[in-house]
């Protein structure tokens, strides 16, 4: 996929002028602006997580290609935060501050063996979070018609597909032993709880009903994308690499079947 950026210019230089945003009513512009500002905060938190992942992999050892992706992912996510912030400014027609600093949202895994922790963190981010993110962004791009939103989504998805390869590449490499892959199965429900469930939680900035033309899927669509991605991509991917998925399959069935009615009730 072609990247929008050719230089290190600011994010606003990579978002096309879009008069259709000016035609929105004030309330919808405000809601969309707050949604994209919230995404900027989330992207910066992901950068913090990739900092931990990169550090862990450098200490434990990983394939050079995996290390390159991990290191690059930190700067990618900082750039994503700036793109989302710049798009929020376009909707809000006022300056949006850089996201406030905060702790990285990475699972503590205090009871996990030290030798397995780096792999668990890498799997949670690459195999789960970024795989879901890639699928969700594909759906966002499919329904988006507004040029500014499409431009930002295209750049995010180009990177997130690459970040997903970080997890799968490391898990399938010689740096993760067969017995470590088997041990990983016991940890999958906890990793899914941490990495997948936040995708379906609503915040004060969530537009539950969605605005698909502006790259904002509904809560119900998001729920469906997450569940489908886990069932058809993430779990089969783990199984193909020798990771037991029985406990993970039960977790997915419990959380993404039983809670669908709750998501629909939000609309």
Protein backbone atom coordinates (compact mmCIF):
# COMPACT_ATOMS: atom_id res chain seq x y z
CA UNK A 1 0.00 0.00 0.00
CA UNK A 2 1.36 3.44 -0.91
CA UNK A 3 2.18 5.62 2.06
CA UNK A 4 0.88 9.19 2.09
CA UNK A 5 4.06 10.55 3.56
CA UNK A 6 7.03 11.32 1.38
CA UNK A 7 8.82 13.58 3.86
CA UNK A 8 8.72 14.39 7.56
CA UNK A 9 6.23 17.21 7.03
CA UNK A 10 3.58 17.85 9.69
CA UNK A 11 0.42 15.76 9.80
CA UNK A 12 -1.80 18.56 8.51
CA UNK A 13 0.15 18.57 5.25
CA UNK A 14 -0.94 14.99 4.61
CA UNK A 15 -4.67 15.55 5.14
CA UNK A 16 -6.40 16.81 1.96
CA UNK A 17 -8.60 19.86 2.03
CA UNK A 18 -12.16 18.64 2.50
CA UNK A 19 -15.03 21.16 2.16
CA UNK A 20 -17.57 18.46 3.06
CA UNK A 21 -16.53 18.77 6.71
CA UNK A 22 -17.54 22.44 6.71
CA UNK A 23 -21.04 21.45 5.60
CA UNK A 24 -21.71 19.32 8.71
CA UNK A 25 -23.93 20.63 11.47
CA UNK A 26 -22.06 21.91 14.53
CA UNK A 27 -23.09 19.06 16.83
CA UNK A 28 -21.88 16.30 14.49
CA UNK A 29 -18.61 18.13 13.81
CA UNK A 30 -18.02 18.38 17.55
CA UNK A 31 -18.74 14.69 18.12
CA UNK A 32 -16.52 13.59 15.25
CA UNK A 33 -13.72 15.88 16.38
CA UNK A 34 -13.86 14.46 19.89
CA UNK A 35 -13.87 10.93 18.47
CA UNK A 36 -10.71 11.56 16.46
CA UNK A 37 -9.05 13.32 19.43
CA UNK A 38 -9.80 10.24 21.51
CA UNK A 39 -8.18 8.10 18.83
CA UNK A 40 -5.07 10.28 19.03
CA UNK A 41 -4.81 9.49 22.74
CA UNK A 42 -5.25 5.77 22.05
CA UNK A 43 -2.56 5.76 19.35
CA UNK A 44 -0.07 7.38 21.72
CA UNK A 45 -0.80 4.73 24.35
CA UNK A 46 -0.08 2.07 21.73
CA UNK A 47 3.28 3.74 21.05
CA UNK A 48 4.07 3.29 24.74
CA UNK A 49 3.20 -0.40 24.57
CA UNK A 50 5.44 -0.92 21.55
CA UNK A 51 8.26 0.72 23.50
CA UNK A 52 7.92 -2.02 26.12
CA UNK A 53 7.64 -4.74 23.45
CA UNK A 54 10.73 -3.46 21.65
CA UNK A 55 12.70 -3.35 24.91
CA UNK A 56 11.60 -6.88 25.87
CA UNK A 57 12.50 -8.35 22.49
CA UNK A 58 15.91 -6.67 22.49
CA UNK A 59 16.64 -8.19 25.89
CA UNK A 60 15.29 -11.67 25.15
CA UNK A 61 16.33 -11.93 21.51
CA UNK A 62 14.33 -11.92 18.29
CA UNK A 63 14.78 -12.13 14.55
CA UNK A 64 16.29 -8.89 13.17
CA UNK A 65 13.23 -8.35 10.95
CA UNK A 66 10.99 -8.55 14.02
CA UNK A 67 13.22 -6.11 15.92
CA UNK A 68 13.04 -3.63 13.05
CA UNK A 69 9.23 -3.75 13.01
CA UNK A 70 9.07 -3.34 16.80
CA UNK A 71 11.38 -0.33 16.81
CA UNK A 72 9.64 1.30 13.85
CA UNK A 73 6.22 0.72 15.39
CA UNK A 74 6.94 3.21 18.18
CA UNK A 75 7.48 6.11 15.77
CA UNK A 76 4.62 4.90 13.56
CA UNK A 77 2.15 5.14 16.44
CA UNK A 78 3.40 8.58 17.48
CA UNK A 79 2.78 9.69 13.90
CA UNK A 80 -0.69 8.11 14.02
CA UNK A 81 -1.46 10.14 17.13
CA UNK A 82 -0.46 13.32 15.31
CA UNK A 83 -2.58 12.43 12.26
CA UNK A 84 -5.66 11.76 14.38
CA UNK A 85 -5.05 14.96 16.36
CA UNK A 86 -4.73 16.96 13.14
CA UNK A 87 -7.96 15.48 11.77
CA UNK A 88 -9.69 16.29 15.05
CA UNK A 89 -8.59 19.90 14.61
CA UNK A 90 -10.09 19.90 11.13
CA UNK A 91 -13.47 18.81 12.48
CA UNK A 92 -13.40 21.03 15.57
CA UNK A 93 -11.98 24.10 13.77
CA UNK A 94 -9.84 24.83 16.82
CA UNK A 95 -6.45 23.71 18.15
CA UNK A 96 -6.36 20.26 19.72
CA UNK A 97 -3.52 19.78 22.22
CA UNK A 98 -1.09 16.92 22.01
CA UNK A 99 -2.45 13.95 24.01
CA UNK A 100 -1.59 14.01 27.68
CA UNK A 101 1.11 11.59 28.85
CA UNK A 102 0.04 8.45 30.64
CA UNK A 103 1.03 4.92 31.52
CA UNK A 104 1.18 2.30 28.80
CA UNK A 105 -1.72 -0.13 28.88
CA UNK A 106 0.22 -3.39 28.83
CA UNK A 107 -0.80 -6.51 30.75
CA UNK A 108 1.17 -6.93 33.99
CA UNK A 109 1.47 -10.72 33.67
CA UNK A 110 3.17 -10.82 37.05
CA UNK A 111 2.71 -14.60 37.35
CA UNK A 112 4.06 -15.36 33.89
CA UNK A 113 7.54 -16.88 33.61
CA UNK A 114 10.06 -14.16 32.83
CA UNK A 115 11.26 -16.05 29.76
CA UNK A 116 7.73 -16.06 28.31
CA UNK A 117 6.75 -12.47 29.10
CA UNK A 118 8.27 -10.83 26.02
CA UNK A 119 6.48 -13.31 23.77
CA UNK A 120 3.18 -12.73 25.59
CA UNK A 121 3.48 -8.95 25.17
CA UNK A 122 4.44 -9.31 21.50
CA UNK A 123 1.57 -11.71 20.81
CA UNK A 124 -0.96 -9.48 22.60
CA UNK A 125 0.03 -6.49 20.48
CA UNK A 126 0.83 -8.03 17.11
CA UNK A 127 -1.33 -11.14 16.85
CA UNK A 128 -4.35 -9.72 18.68
CA UNK A 129 -4.53 -5.91 18.88
CA UNK A 130 -2.95 -4.96 15.57
CA UNK A 131 -4.65 -7.80 13.70
CA UNK A 132 -7.99 -6.54 14.99
CA UNK A 133 -6.98 -2.96 14.20
CA UNK A 134 -6.14 -3.88 10.60
CA UNK A 135 -9.52 -5.55 10.08
CA UNK A 136 -11.37 -2.67 11.75
CA UNK A 137 -9.56 -0.09 9.65
CA UNK A 138 -10.35 -2.07 6.50
CA UNK A 139 -14.03 -1.91 7.42
CA UNK A 140 -13.68 1.80 8.25
CA UNK A 141 -12.09 2.48 4.86
CA UNK A 142 -14.71 0.39 3.04
CA UNK A 143 -17.55 2.64 4.21
CA UNK A 144 -15.73 5.98 4.46
CA UNK A 145 -16.42 8.48 1.69
CA UNK A 146 -14.95 11.67 3.17
CA UNK A 147 -11.48 12.32 1.65
CA UNK A 148 -9.84 13.58 4.84
CA UNK A 149 -10.93 10.55 6.87
CA UNK A 150 -9.98 8.14 4.08
CA UNK A 151 -6.50 9.66 3.83
CA UNK A 152 -5.82 9.18 7.54
CA UNK A 153 -7.27 5.66 7.63
CA UNK A 154 -5.16 4.60 4.65
CA UNK A 155 -1.97 5.63 6.41
CA UNK A 156 -2.95 3.97 9.68
CA UNK A 157 -3.87 0.68 8.04
CA UNK A 158 -0.63 0.54 6.02
CA UNK A 159 1.32 0.55 9.28
CA UNK A 160 -0.99 -1.62 11.39
CA UNK A 161 -0.88 -4.50 8.89
CA UNK A 162 2.90 -4.33 9.22
CA UNK A 163 2.66 -4.24 13.03
CA UNK A 164 0.47 -7.36 13.04
CA UNK A 165 3.28 -9.19 11.25
CA UNK A 166 5.48 -8.42 14.26
CA UNK A 167 3.47 -10.79 16.44
CA UNK A 168 2.98 -13.56 13.90
CA UNK A 169 6.57 -13.34 12.69
CA UNK A 170 7.97 -13.63 16.20
CA UNK A 171 5.63 -16.45 17.22
CA UNK A 172 6.56 -18.47 14.15
CA UNK A 173 10.30 -17.86 14.47
CA UNK A 174 13.04 -20.02 15.93
CA UNK A 175 13.19 -17.63 18.89
CA UNK A 176 9.94 -19.10 20.29
CA UNK A 177 10.34 -22.76 21.20
CA UNK A 178 7.65 -25.38 20.70
CA UNK A 179 7.06 -25.75 24.44
CA UNK A 180 6.68 -21.95 24.76
CA UNK A 181 3.95 -22.02 22.10
CA UNK A 182 2.14 -24.72 24.02
CA UNK A 183 2.44 -22.77 27.27
CA UNK A 184 1.03 -19.71 25.52
CA UNK A 185 -2.37 -21.40 25.21
CA UNK A 186 -2.99 -21.06 28.95
CA UNK A 187 -2.42 -17.31 28.74
CA UNK A 188 -4.56 -16.57 25.68
CA UNK A 189 -7.80 -15.76 27.57
CA UNK A 190 -5.97 -13.15 29.65
CA UNK A 191 -4.31 -11.69 26.57
CA UNK A 192 -7.64 -11.53 24.74
CA UNK A 193 -9.28 -9.89 27.74
CA UNK A 194 -6.62 -7.20 27.74
CA UNK A 195 -6.19 -6.64 24.00
CA UNK A 196 -9.59 -7.40 22.46
CA UNK A 197 -12.25 -6.29 24.91
CA UNK A 198 -11.27 -2.57 24.94
CA UNK A 199 -12.34 -2.45 21.28
CA UNK A 200 -15.95 -2.94 22.36
CA UNK A 201 -16.03 -0.64 25.38
CA UNK A 202 -17.77 2.70 24.97
CA UNK A 203 -16.32 5.94 26.32
CA UNK A 204 -17.84 9.40 26.58
CA UNK A 205 -16.41 10.19 23.12
CA UNK A 206 -17.74 7.06 21.40
CA UNK A 207 -20.34 7.65 18.68
CA UNK A 208 -22.33 4.48 19.35
CA UNK A 209 -24.46 4.72 16.22
CA UNK A 210 -21.37 5.45 14.11
CA UNK A 211 -20.80 7.78 11.17
CA UNK A 212 -19.45 5.33 8.55
CA UNK A 213 -18.94 7.95 5.85
CA UNK A 214 -16.46 9.71 8.18
CA UNK A 215 -14.57 6.53 9.07
CA UNK A 216 -16.42 5.87 12.33
CA UNK A 217 -18.12 2.43 12.37
CA UNK A 218 -20.99 1.82 14.77
CA UNK A 219 -20.47 -0.03 18.04
CA UNK A 220 -22.36 -3.00 16.62
CA UNK A 221 -20.17 -3.08 13.51
CA UNK A 222 -17.03 -2.87 15.64
CA UNK A 223 -18.26 -5.71 17.83
CA UNK A 224 -18.89 -7.84 14.75
CA UNK A 225 -15.47 -7.08 13.24
CA UNK A 226 -13.68 -7.97 16.47
CA UNK A 227 -15.57 -11.23 16.94
CA UNK A 228 -15.16 -12.28 13.31
CA UNK A 229 -11.44 -11.43 13.27
CA UNK A 230 -10.82 -13.44 16.42
CA UNK A 231 -12.71 -16.45 15.08
CA UNK A 232 -11.45 -16.46 11.49
CA UNK A 233 -7.96 -14.98 11.71
CA UNK A 234 -6.51 -14.85 15.23
CA UNK A 235 -7.53 -18.25 16.61
CA UNK A 236 -6.74 -20.17 13.38
CA UNK A 237 -3.40 -18.36 13.24
CA UNK A 238 -2.51 -19.49 16.74
CA UNK A 239 -3.62 -23.05 16.01
CA UNK A 240 -1.50 -23.21 12.85
CA UNK A 241 1.58 -22.30 14.90
CA UNK A 242 1.00 -24.98 17.54
CA UNK A 243 -0.68 -22.84 20.20
CA UNK A 244 -3.58 -24.62 21.97
CA UNK A 245 -6.75 -22.53 21.47
CA UNK A 246 -9.44 -24.41 23.42
CA UNK A 247 -9.51 -21.91 26.31
CA UNK A 248 -9.30 -18.97 23.90
CA UNK A 249 -12.15 -20.30 21.78
CA UNK A 250 -14.33 -20.61 24.88
CA UNK A 251 -13.44 -17.04 25.89
CA UNK A 252 -14.40 -15.69 22.46
CA UNK A 253 -17.71 -17.57 22.45
CA UNK A 254 -18.53 -16.32 25.93
CA UNK A 255 -17.70 -12.65 25.31
CA UNK A 256 -18.58 -12.11 21.66
CA UNK A 257 -21.75 -14.14 21.48
CA UNK A 258 -23.40 -13.41 24.80
CA UNK A 259 -22.73 -9.64 24.75
CA UNK A 260 -24.03 -8.80 21.26
CA UNK A 261 -27.47 -7.94 22.62
CA UNK A 262 -25.83 -5.48 25.02
CA UNK A 263 -24.06 -3.73 22.13
CA UNK A 264 -27.29 -3.43 20.17
CA UNK A 265 -29.03 -1.93 23.20
CA UNK A 266 -26.56 0.98 23.14
CA UNK A 267 -27.92 2.26 19.82
